[in-house]
Full PDB file with SEQRES, HELIX, SHEET, SSBOND, CRYST1, ORIGX, SCALE, CONECT and MASTER records, all heavy atoms in Angstrom:
SEQRES   1 A   34  MET ARG GLY ARG GLN ALA VAL GLU TYR MET TYR ALA ASN          
SEQRES   2 A   34  TYR ASP ILE GLU GLU ALA LYS ARG ASP TYR GLN ALA ILE          
SEQRES   3 A   34  SER ASP GLN ILE ASN GLN ILE GLN                              
HELIX    1 AA1 ILE A   16  ILE A   33  1                                  18    
CRYST1    1.000    1.000    1.000  90.00  90.00  90.00 P 1           1          
ORIGX1      1.000000  0.000000  0.000000        0.00000                         
ORIGX2      0.000000  1.000000  0.000000        0.00000                         
ORIGX3      0.000000  0.000000  1.000000        0.00000                         
SCALE1      1.000000  0.000000  0.000000        0.00000                         
SCALE2      0.000000  1.000000  0.000000        0.00000                         
SCALE3      0.000000  0.000000  1.000000        0.00000                         
ATOM      1  N   MET A   1     -83.465 -26.483-145.089  1.00  0.00           N  
ATOM      2  CA  MET A   1     -82.558 -27.640-144.859  1.00  0.00           C  
ATOM      3  C   MET A   1     -83.236 -28.857-145.481  1.00  0.00           C  
ATOM      4  O   MET A   1     -84.390 -29.196-145.038  1.00  0.00           O  
ATOM      5  CB  MET A   1     -82.254 -27.838-143.431  1.00  0.00           C  
ATOM      6  CG  MET A   1     -81.526 -26.642-142.786  1.00  0.00           C  
ATOM      7  SD  MET A   1     -81.360 -26.778-141.004  1.00  0.00           S  
ATOM      8  CE  MET A   1     -80.352 -28.234-140.850  1.00  0.00           C  
ATOM      9  N   ARG A   2     -82.609 -29.518-146.440  1.00  0.00           N  
ATOM     10  CA  ARG A   2     -83.080 -30.757-147.025  1.00  0.00           C  
ATOM     11  C   ARG A   2     -84.523 -30.600-147.470  1.00  0.00           C  
ATOM     12  O   ARG A   2     -85.398 -31.418-147.219  1.00  0.00           O  
ATOM     13  CB  ARG A   2     -82.954 -31.866-146.001  1.00  0.00           C  
ATOM     14  CG  ARG A   2     -81.528 -32.201-145.709  1.00  0.00           C  
ATOM     15  CD  ARG A   2     -81.433 -33.489-144.855  1.00  0.00           C  
ATOM     16  NE  ARG A   2     -80.075 -33.668-144.475  1.00  0.00           N  
ATOM     17  CZ  ARG A   2     -79.661 -33.894-143.275  1.00  0.00           C  
ATOM     18  NH1 ARG A   2     -80.516 -33.933-142.308  1.00  0.00           N  
ATOM     19  NH2 ARG A   2     -78.413 -34.082-143.040  1.00  0.00           N  
ATOM     20  N   GLY A   3     -84.750 -29.482-148.131  1.00  0.00           N  
ATOM     21  CA  GLY A   3     -86.098 -29.264-148.752  1.00  0.00           C  
ATOM     22  C   GLY A   3     -87.181 -28.804-147.852  1.00  0.00           C  
ATOM     23  O   GLY A   3     -88.316 -28.748-148.240  1.00  0.00           O  
ATOM     24  N   ARG A   4     -86.859 -28.585-146.621  1.00  0.00           N  
ATOM     25  CA  ARG A   4     -87.894 -28.063-145.698  1.00  0.00           C  
ATOM     26  C   ARG A   4     -87.418 -26.858-144.963  1.00  0.00           C  
ATOM     27  O   ARG A   4     -86.262 -26.660-144.728  1.00  0.00           O  
ATOM     28  CB  ARG A   4     -88.439 -29.177-144.715  1.00  0.00           C  
ATOM     29  CG  ARG A   4     -87.396 -29.738-143.867  1.00  0.00           C  
ATOM     30  CD  ARG A   4     -87.945 -30.922-143.031  1.00  0.00           C  
ATOM     31  NE  ARG A   4     -87.008 -31.040-141.941  1.00  0.00           N  
ATOM     32  CZ  ARG A   4     -87.343 -31.140-140.687  1.00  0.00           C  
ATOM     33  NH1 ARG A   4     -88.607 -31.133-140.317  1.00  0.00           N  
ATOM     34  NH2 ARG A   4     -86.427 -31.277-139.734  1.00  0.00           N  
ATOM     35  N   GLN A   5     -88.339 -26.087-144.471  1.00  0.00           N  
ATOM     36  CA  GLN A   5     -88.028 -24.839-143.751  1.00  0.00           C  
ATOM     37  C   GLN A   5     -87.697 -25.143-142.256  1.00  0.00           C  
ATOM     38  O   GLN A   5     -88.311 -25.989-141.638  1.00  0.00           O  
ATOM     39  CB  GLN A   5     -89.250 -23.955-143.801  1.00  0.00           C  
ATOM     40  CG  GLN A   5     -88.976 -22.542-144.100  1.00  0.00           C  
ATOM     41  CD  GLN A   5     -90.252 -21.746-144.227  1.00  0.00           C  
ATOM     42  OE1 GLN A   5     -91.337 -22.202-143.932  1.00  0.00           O  
ATOM     43  NE2 GLN A   5     -90.075 -20.511-144.711  1.00  0.00           N  
ATOM     44  N   ALA A   6     -86.629 -24.465-141.766  1.00  0.00           N  
ATOM     45  CA  ALA A   6     -86.258 -24.574-140.409  1.00  0.00           C  
ATOM     46  C   ALA A   6     -86.173 -23.216-139.758  1.00  0.00           C  
ATOM     47  O   ALA A   6     -85.669 -22.257-140.396  1.00  0.00           O  
ATOM     48  CB  ALA A   6     -84.921 -25.337-140.250  1.00  0.00           C  
ATOM     49  N   VAL A   7     -86.657 -23.072-138.516  1.00  0.00           N  
ATOM     50  CA  VAL A   7     -86.554 -21.832-137.822  1.00  0.00           C  
ATOM     51  C   VAL A   7     -85.290 -21.850-137.009  1.00  0.00           C  
ATOM     52  O   VAL A   7     -84.986 -22.824-136.322  1.00  0.00           O  
ATOM     53  CB  VAL A   7     -87.803 -21.643-136.862  1.00  0.00           C  
ATOM     54  CG1 VAL A   7     -87.653 -20.382-136.078  1.00  0.00           C  
ATOM     55  CG2 VAL A   7     -89.096 -21.651-137.742  1.00  0.00           C  
ATOM     56  N   GLU A   8     -84.533 -20.767-137.014  1.00  0.00           N  
ATOM     57  CA  GLU A   8     -83.300 -20.615-136.258  1.00  0.00           C  
ATOM     58  C   GLU A   8     -83.500 -19.691-135.012  1.00  0.00           C  
ATOM     59  O   GLU A   8     -84.184 -18.717-135.107  1.00  0.00           O  
ATOM     60  CB  GLU A   8     -82.147 -20.081-137.093  1.00  0.00           C  
ATOM     61  CG  GLU A   8     -81.757 -21.006-138.214  1.00  0.00           C  
ATOM     62  CD  GLU A   8     -80.555 -20.523-138.977  1.00  0.00           C  
ATOM     63  OE1 GLU A   8     -80.395 -19.256-139.097  1.00  0.00           O  
ATOM     64  OE2 GLU A   8     -79.781 -21.315-139.448  1.00  0.00           O  
ATOM     65  N   TYR A   9     -82.820 -20.076-133.948  1.00  0.00           N  
ATOM     66  CA  TYR A   9     -82.848 -19.274-132.725  1.00  0.00           C  
ATOM     67  C   TYR A   9     -81.411 -18.991-132.309  1.00  0.00           C  
ATOM     68  O   TYR A   9     -80.525 -19.781-132.500  1.00  0.00           O  
ATOM     69  CB  TYR A   9     -83.554 -20.033-131.638  1.00  0.00           C  
ATOM     70  CG  TYR A   9     -85.032 -20.223-131.824  1.00  0.00           C  
ATOM     71  CD1 TYR A   9     -85.542 -21.362-132.503  1.00  0.00           C  
ATOM     72  CD2 TYR A   9     -85.906 -19.242-131.424  1.00  0.00           C  
ATOM     73  CE1 TYR A   9     -86.875 -21.467-132.730  1.00  0.00           C  
ATOM     74  CE2 TYR A   9     -87.263 -19.401-131.599  1.00  0.00           C  
ATOM     75  CZ  TYR A   9     -87.748 -20.492-132.211  1.00  0.00           C  
ATOM     76  OH  TYR A   9     -89.125 -20.662-132.445  1.00  0.00           O  
ATOM     77  N   MET A  10     -81.229 -17.797-131.703  1.00  0.00           N  
ATOM     78  CA  MET A  10     -80.013 -17.381-131.081  1.00  0.00           C  
ATOM     79  C   MET A  10     -80.230 -17.554-129.535  1.00  0.00           C  
ATOM     80  O   MET A  10     -81.173 -16.994-129.017  1.00  0.00           O  
ATOM     81  CB  MET A  10     -79.589 -15.937-131.418  1.00  0.00           C  
ATOM     82  CG  MET A  10     -78.348 -15.480-130.730  1.00  0.00           C  
ATOM     83  SD  MET A  10     -77.713 -13.903-131.305  1.00  0.00           S  
ATOM     84  CE  MET A  10     -79.184 -12.839-131.289  1.00  0.00           C  
ATOM     85  N   TYR A  11     -79.257 -18.192-128.923  1.00  0.00           N  
ATOM     86  CA  TYR A  11     -79.376 -18.427-127.437  1.00  0.00           C  
ATOM     87  C   TYR A  11     -78.314 -17.669-126.726  1.00  0.00           C  
ATOM     88  O   TYR A  11     -77.159 -17.642-127.120  1.00  0.00           O  
ATOM     89  CB  TYR A  11     -79.256 -19.935-127.133  1.00  0.00           C  
ATOM     90  CG  TYR A  11     -80.360 -20.766-127.726  1.00  0.00           C  
ATOM     91  CD1 TYR A  11     -80.258 -21.314-129.007  1.00  0.00           C  
ATOM     92  CD2 TYR A  11     -81.584 -20.948-127.043  1.00  0.00           C  
ATOM     93  CE1 TYR A  11     -81.302 -22.042-129.585  1.00  0.00           C  
ATOM     94  CE2 TYR A  11     -82.588 -21.702-127.573  1.00  0.00           C  
ATOM     95  CZ  TYR A  11     -82.449 -22.257-128.863  1.00  0.00           C  
ATOM     96  OH  TYR A  11     -83.487 -22.958-129.382  1.00  0.00           O  
ATOM     97  N   ALA A  12     -78.674 -17.129-125.520  1.00  0.00           N  
ATOM     98  CA  ALA A  12     -77.629 -16.463-124.707  1.00  0.00           C  
ATOM     99  C   ALA A  12     -76.779 -17.615-124.111  1.00  0.00           C  
ATOM    100  O   ALA A  12     -77.283 -18.607-123.610  1.00  0.00           O  
ATOM    101  CB  ALA A  12     -78.327 -15.720-123.571  1.00  0.00           C  
ATOM    102  N   ASN A  13     -75.469 -17.455-124.228  1.00  0.00           N  
ATOM    103  CA  ASN A  13     -74.591 -18.448-123.725  1.00  0.00           C  
ATOM    104  C   ASN A  13     -73.901 -18.039-122.462  1.00  0.00           C  
ATOM    105  O   ASN A  13     -72.713 -18.214-122.185  1.00  0.00           O  
ATOM    106  CB  ASN A  13     -73.485 -18.691-124.792  1.00  0.00           C  
ATOM    107  CG  ASN A  13     -72.723 -19.974-124.554  1.00  0.00           C  
ATOM    108  OD1 ASN A  13     -73.192 -20.820-123.878  1.00  0.00           O  
ATOM    109  ND2 ASN A  13     -71.514 -20.077-125.204  1.00  0.00           N  
ATOM    110  N   TYR A  14     -74.685 -17.274-121.595  1.00  0.00           N  
ATOM    111  CA  TYR A  14     -74.213 -16.761-120.310  1.00  0.00           C  
ATOM    112  C   TYR A  14     -75.469 -16.574-119.435  1.00  0.00           C  
ATOM    113  O   TYR A  14     -76.542 -16.613-119.925  1.00  0.00           O  
ATOM    114  CB  TYR A  14     -73.425 -15.405-120.523  1.00  0.00           C  
ATOM    115  CG  TYR A  14     -74.286 -14.388-121.213  1.00  0.00           C  
ATOM    116  CD1 TYR A  14     -75.033 -13.446-120.467  1.00  0.00           C  
ATOM    117  CD2 TYR A  14     -74.331 -14.298-122.630  1.00  0.00           C  
ATOM    118  CE1 TYR A  14     -75.824 -12.483-121.122  1.00  0.00           C  
ATOM    119  CE2 TYR A  14     -75.122 -13.323-123.251  1.00  0.00           C  
ATOM    120  CZ  TYR A  14     -75.820 -12.431-122.508  1.00  0.00           C  
ATOM    121  OH  TYR A  14     -76.591 -11.534-123.112  1.00  0.00           O  
ATOM    122  N   ASP A  15     -75.177 -16.254-118.215  1.00  0.00           N  
ATOM    123  CA  ASP A  15     -76.295 -16.049-117.256  1.00  0.00           C  
ATOM    124  C   ASP A  15     -76.713 -14.536-117.350  1.00  0.00           C  
ATOM    125  O   ASP A  15     -75.984 -13.626-116.927  1.00  0.00           O  
ATOM    126  CB  ASP A  15     -75.775 -16.362-115.836  1.00  0.00           C  
ATOM    127  CG  ASP A  15     -76.825 -16.235-114.748  1.00  0.00           C  
ATOM    128  OD1 ASP A  15     -77.931 -15.633-115.031  1.00  0.00           O  
ATOM    129  OD2 ASP A  15     -76.619 -16.741-113.658  1.00  0.00           O  
ATOM    130  N   ILE A  16     -77.918 -14.343-117.923  1.00  0.00           N  
ATOM    131  CA  ILE A  16     -78.369 -12.947-118.050  1.00  0.00           C  
ATOM    132  C   ILE A  16     -78.535 -12.263-116.762  1.00  0.00           C  
ATOM    133  O   ILE A  16     -78.242 -11.075-116.639  1.00  0.00           O  
ATOM    134  CB  ILE A  16     -79.693 -12.981-118.896  1.00  0.00           C  
ATOM    135  CG1 ILE A  16     -79.428 -13.499-120.276  1.00  0.00           C  
ATOM    136  CG2 ILE A  16     -80.305 -11.556-118.929  1.00  0.00           C  
ATOM    137  CD1 ILE A  16     -80.672 -13.748-121.107  1.00  0.00           C  
ATOM    138  N   GLU A  17     -78.964 -12.977-115.722  1.00  0.00           N  
ATOM    139  CA  GLU A  17     -79.126 -12.349-114.390  1.00  0.00           C  
ATOM    140  C   GLU A  17     -77.762 -11.891-113.874  1.00  0.00           C  
ATOM    141  O   GLU A  17     -77.695 -10.854-113.183  1.00  0.00           O  
ATOM    142  CB  GLU A  17     -79.829 -13.321-113.462  1.00  0.00           C  
ATOM    143  CG  GLU A  17     -81.306 -13.525-113.755  1.00  0.00           C  
ATOM    144  CD  GLU A  17     -82.101 -12.246-113.853  1.00  0.00           C  
ATOM    145  OE1 GLU A  17     -81.959 -11.405-112.923  1.00  0.00           O  
ATOM    146  OE2 GLU A  17     -82.867 -12.045-114.792  1.00  0.00           O  
ATOM    147  N   GLU A  18     -76.747 -12.653-114.138  1.00  0.00           N  
ATOM    148  CA  GLU A  18     -75.396 -12.236-113.685  1.00  0.00           C  
ATOM    149  C   GLU A  18     -74.966 -10.990-114.398  1.00  0.00           C  
ATOM    150  O   GLU A  18     -74.382 -10.129-113.789  1.00  0.00           O  
ATOM    151  CB  GLU A  18     -74.393 -13.364-113.914  1.00  0.00           C  
ATOM    152  CG  GLU A  18     -73.024 -13.116-113.349  1.00  0.00           C  
ATOM    153  CD  GLU A  18     -72.037 -14.276-113.539  1.00  0.00           C  
ATOM    154  OE1 GLU A  18     -72.391 -15.258-114.174  1.00  0.00           O  
ATOM    155  OE2 GLU A  18     -70.882 -14.114-113.011  1.00  0.00           O  
ATOM    156  N   ALA A  19     -75.250 -10.913-115.688  1.00  0.00           N  
ATOM    157  CA  ALA A  19     -74.920  -9.714-116.461  1.00  0.00           C  
ATOM    158  C   ALA A  19     -75.653  -8.467-115.905  1.00  0.00           C  
ATOM    159  O   ALA A  19     -75.155  -7.386-115.784  1.00  0.00           O  
ATOM    160  CB  ALA A  19     -75.237  -9.863-117.933  1.00  0.00           C  
ATOM    161  N   LYS A  20     -76.937  -8.682-115.438  1.00  0.00           N  
ATOM    162  CA  LYS A  20     -77.717  -7.591-114.848  1.00  0.00           C  
ATOM    163  C   LYS A  20     -77.078  -7.160-113.536  1.00  0.00           C  
ATOM    164  O   LYS A  20     -76.917  -5.946-113.227  1.00  0.00           O  
ATOM    165  CB  LYS A  20     -79.126  -8.049-114.579  1.00  0.00           C  
ATOM    166  CG  LYS A  20     -79.966  -8.198-115.832  1.00  0.00           C  
ATOM    167  CD  LYS A  20     -81.408  -8.608-115.507  1.00  0.00           C  
ATOM    168  CE  LYS A  20     -82.201  -8.857-116.780  1.00  0.00           C  
ATOM    169  NZ  LYS A  20     -83.568  -9.382-116.497  1.00  0.00           N  
ATOM    170  N   ARG A  21     -76.592  -8.116-112.708  1.00  0.00           N  
ATOM    171  CA  ARG A  21     -76.002  -7.779-111.443  1.00  0.00           C  
ATOM    172  C   ARG A  21     -74.631  -7.064-111.630  1.00  0.00           C  
ATOM    173  O   ARG A  21     -74.321  -6.053-111.009  1.00  0.00           O  
ATOM    174  CB  ARG A  21     -75.756  -8.997-110.609  1.00  0.00           C  
ATOM    175  CG  ARG A  21     -77.014  -9.603-109.995  1.00  0.00           C  
ATOM    176  CD  ARG A  21     -76.739 -10.720-109.002  1.00  0.00           C  
ATOM    177  NE  ARG A  21     -76.029 -11.864-109.619  1.00  0.00           N  
ATOM    178  CZ  ARG A  21     -76.603 -12.873-110.196  1.00  0.00           C  
ATOM    179  NH1 ARG A  21     -77.912 -12.958-110.302  1.00  0.00           N  
ATOM    180  NH2 ARG A  21     -75.862 -13.850-110.764  1.00  0.00           N  
ATOM    181  N   ASP A  22     -73.865  -7.518-112.619  1.00  0.00           N  
ATOM    182  CA  ASP A  22     -72.602  -6.876-112.903  1.00  0.00           C  
ATOM    183  C   ASP A  22     -72.827  -5.461-113.476  1.00  0.00           C  
ATOM    184  O   ASP A  22     -72.038  -4.540-113.119  1.00  0.00           O  
ATOM    185  CB  ASP A  22     -71.817  -7.704-113.939  1.00  0.00           C  
ATOM    186  CG  ASP A  22     -71.216  -8.941-113.262  1.00  0.00           C  
ATOM    187  OD1 ASP A  22     -71.223  -9.119-112.041  1.00  0.00           O  
ATOM    188  OD2 ASP A  22     -70.780  -9.898-114.053  1.00  0.00           O  
ATOM    189  N   TYR A  23     -73.833  -5.314-114.310  1.00  0.00           N  
ATOM    190  CA  TYR A  23     -74.127  -3.965-114.823  1.00  0.00           C  
ATOM    191  C   TYR A  23     -74.438  -3.006-113.689  1.00  0.00           C  
ATOM    192  O   TYR A  23     -73.885  -1.863-113.624  1.00  0.00           O  
ATOM    193  CB  TYR A  23     -75.365  -4.058-115.751  1.00  0.00           C  
ATOM    194  CG  TYR A  23     -75.816  -2.705-116.219  1.00  0.00           C  
ATOM    195  CD1 TYR A  23     -75.311  -2.166-117.386  1.00  0.00           C  
ATOM    196  CD2 TYR A  23     -76.812  -1.946-115.545  1.00  0.00           C  
ATOM    197  CE1 TYR A  23     -75.742  -0.903-117.834  1.00  0.00           C  
ATOM    198  CE2 TYR A  23     -77.215  -0.763-115.996  1.00  0.00           C  
ATOM    199  CZ  TYR A  23     -76.697  -0.223-117.110  1.00  0.00           C  
ATOM    200  OH  TYR A  23     -77.125   1.036-117.544  1.00  0.00           O  
ATOM    201  N   GLN A  24     -75.227  -3.428-112.659  1.00  0.00           N  
ATOM    202  CA  GLN A  24     -75.563  -2.575-111.560  1.00  0.00           C  
ATOM    203  C   GLN A  24     -74.339  -2.311-110.708  1.00  0.00           C  
ATOM    204  O   GLN A  24     -74.149  -1.145-110.260  1.00  0.00           O  
ATOM    205  CB  GLN A  24     -76.646  -3.216-110.672  1.00  0.00           C  
ATOM    206  CG  GLN A  24     -77.175  -2.278-109.650  1.00  0.00           C  
ATOM    207  CD  GLN A  24     -77.702  -1.037-110.211  1.00  0.00           C  
ATOM    208  OE1 GLN A  24     -78.578  -1.022-111.073  1.00  0.00           O  
ATOM    209  NE2 GLN A  24     -77.175   0.105-109.698  1.00  0.00           N  
ATOM    210  N   ALA A  25     -73.467  -3.235-110.504  1.00  0.00           N  
ATOM    211  CA  ALA A  25     -72.299  -3.087-109.739  1.00  0.00           C  
ATOM    212  C   ALA A  25     -71.359  -2.097-110.399  1.00  0.00           C  
ATOM    213  O   ALA A  25     -70.768  -1.175-109.743  1.00  0.00           O  
ATOM    214  CB  ALA A  25     -71.526  -4.432-109.493  1.00  0.00           C  
ATOM    215  N   ILE A  26     -71.250  -2.138-111.664  1.00  0.00           N  
ATOM    216  CA  ILE A  26     -70.372  -1.181-112.455  1.00  0.00           C  
ATOM    217  C   ILE A  26     -71.015   0.180-112.399  1.00  0.00           C  
ATOM    218  O   ILE A  26     -70.276   1.183-112.242  1.00  0.00           O  
ATOM    219  CB  ILE A  26     -70.129  -1.693-113.855  1.00  0.00           C  
ATOM    220  CG1 ILE A  26     -69.104  -2.824-113.823  1.00  0.00           C  
ATOM    221  CG2 ILE A  26     -69.629  -0.586-114.780  1.00  0.00           C  
ATOM    222  CD1 ILE A  26     -68.728  -3.441-115.103  1.00  0.00           C  
ATOM    223  N   SER A  27     -72.309   0.257-112.557  1.00  0.00           N  
ATOM    224  CA  SER A  27     -73.003   1.588-112.439  1.00  0.00           C  
ATOM    225  C   SER A  27     -72.671   2.169-111.092  1.00  0.00           C  
ATOM    226  O   SER A  27     -72.387   3.416-110.975  1.00  0.00           O  
ATOM    227  CB  SER A  27     -74.498   1.417-112.587  1.00  0.00           C  
ATOM    228  OG  SER A  27     -74.805   1.105-113.923  1.00  0.00           O  
ATOM    229  N   ASP A  28     -72.751   1.410-110.027  1.00  0.00           N  
ATOM    230  CA  ASP A  28     -72.480   1.889-108.710  1.00  0.00           C  
ATOM    231  C   ASP A  28     -71.037   2.370-108.580  1.00  0.00           C  
ATOM    232  O   ASP A  28     -70.771   3.417-107.906  1.00  0.00           O  
ATOM    233  CB  ASP A  28     -72.706   0.815-107.615  1.00  0.00           C  
ATOM    234  CG  ASP A  28     -74.213   0.477-107.526  1.00  0.00           C  
ATOM    235  OD1 ASP A  28     -75.100   1.244-107.990  1.00  0.00           O  
ATOM    236  OD2 ASP A  28     -74.541  -0.633-106.926  1.00  0.00           O  
ATOM    237  N   GLN A  29     -70.097   1.689-109.159  1.00  0.00           N  
ATOM    238  CA  GLN A  29     -68.635   2.060-109.123  1.00  0.00           C  
ATOM    239  C   GLN A  29     -68.492   3.452-109.802  1.00  0.00           C  
ATOM    240  O   GLN A  29     -67.798   4.298-109.383  1.00  0.00           O  
ATOM    241  CB  GLN A  29     -67.772   1.008-109.783  1.00  0.00           C  
ATOM    242  CG  GLN A  29     -67.458  -0.191-109.005  1.00  0.00           C  
ATOM    243  CD  GLN A  29     -66.572  -1.104-109.745  1.00  0.00           C  
ATOM    244  OE1 GLN A  29     -66.551  -1.184-110.976  1.00  0.00           O  
ATOM    245  NE2 GLN A  29     -65.758  -1.862-108.997  1.00  0.00           N  
ATOM    246  N   ILE A  30     -69.104   3.529-110.980  1.00  0.00           N  
ATOM    247  CA  ILE A  30     -69.041   4.780-111.773  1.00  0.00           C  
ATOM    248  C   ILE A  30     -69.584   5.932-110.977  1.00  0.00           C  
ATOM    249  O   ILE A  30     -68.976   7.031-110.853  1.00  0.00           O  
ATOM    250  CB  ILE A  30     -69.768   4.665-113.146  1.00  0.00           C  
ATOM    251  CG1 ILE A  30     -69.020   3.705-114.030  1.00  0.00           C  
ATOM    252  CG2 ILE A  30     -69.896   6.042-113.785  1.00  0.00           C  
ATOM    253  CD1 ILE A  30     -69.747   3.305-115.356  1.00  0.00           C  
ATOM    254  N   ASN A  31     -70.681   5.698-110.308  1.00  0.00           N  
ATOM    255  CA  ASN A  31     -71.300   6.754-109.463  1.00  0.00           C  
ATOM    256  C   ASN A  31     -70.431   7.133-108.315  1.00  0.00           C  
ATOM    257  O   ASN A  31     -70.278   8.335-108.013  1.00  0.00           O  
ATOM    258  CB  ASN A  31     -72.668   6.322-108.982  1.00  0.00           C  
ATOM    259  CG  ASN A  31     -73.730   6.292-110.076  1.00  0.00           C  
ATOM    260  OD1 ASN A  31     -73.608   6.926-111.108  1.00  0.00           O  
ATOM    261  ND2 ASN A  31     -74.767   5.500-109.877  1.00  0.00           N  
ATOM    262  N   GLN A  32     -69.774   6.192-107.719  1.00  0.00           N  
ATOM    263  CA  GLN A  32     -68.880   6.466-106.589  1.00  0.00           C  
ATOM    264  C   GLN A  32     -67.665   7.286-107.025  1.00  0.00           C  
ATOM    265  O   GLN A  32     -67.359   8.285-106.355  1.00  0.00           O  
ATOM    266  CB  GLN A  32     -68.359   5.138-105.983  1.00  0.00           C  
ATOM    267  CG  GLN A  32     -67.506   5.277-104.824  1.00  0.00           C  
ATOM    268  CD  GLN A  32     -66.934   3.968-104.335  1.00  0.00           C  
ATOM    269  OE1 GLN A  32     -66.956   2.987-105.036  1.00  0.00           O  
ATOM    270  NE2 GLN A  32     -66.412   3.921-103.108  1.00  0.00           N  
ATOM    271  N   ILE A  33     -67.116   6.955-108.182  1.00  0.00           N  
ATOM    272  CA  ILE A  33     -65.987   7.718-108.687  1.00  0.00           C  
ATOM    273  C   ILE A  33     -66.474   9.153-109.061  1.00  0.00           C  
ATOM    274  O   ILE A  33     -65.770  10.073-108.773  1.00  0.00           O  
ATOM    275  CB  ILE A  33     -65.366   7.025-109.942  1.00  0.00           C  
ATOM    276  CG1 ILE A  33     -64.730   5.682-109.464  1.00  0.00           C  
ATOM    277  CG2 ILE A  33     -64.373   7.891-110.627  1.00  0.00           C  
ATOM    278  CD1 ILE A  33     -64.246   4.815-110.642  1.00  0.00           C  
ATOM    279  N   GLN A  34     -67.642   9.206-109.742  1.00  0.00           N  
ATOM    280  CA  GLN A  34     -68.117  10.521-110.144  1.00  0.00           C  
ATOM    281  C   GLN A  34     -68.345  11.466-108.915  1.00  0.00           C  
ATOM    282  O   GLN A  34     -68.019  12.622-108.978  1.00  0.00           O  
ATOM    283  CB  GLN A  34     -69.374  10.409-110.996  1.00  0.00           C  
ATOM    284  CG  GLN A  34     -69.847  11.664-111.602  1.00  0.00           C  
ATOM    285  CD  GLN A  34     -68.828  12.238-112.558  1.00  0.00           C  
ATOM    286  OE1 GLN A  34     -68.494  11.580-113.610  1.00  0.00           O  
ATOM    287  NE2 GLN A  34     -68.317  13.400-112.322  1.00  0.00           N  
TER     288      GLN A  34                                                      
MASTER        0    0    0    1    0    0    0    6  287    1    0    3          
END                                                                             
């Protein structure tokens, strides 16, 4: 950018811990159904 190097980052736009909790809850639901 403008003749100099810039480092780019990708940021999570959500709560990763909430995704972990939801993953576990869905795993539990699948197990219950199975």
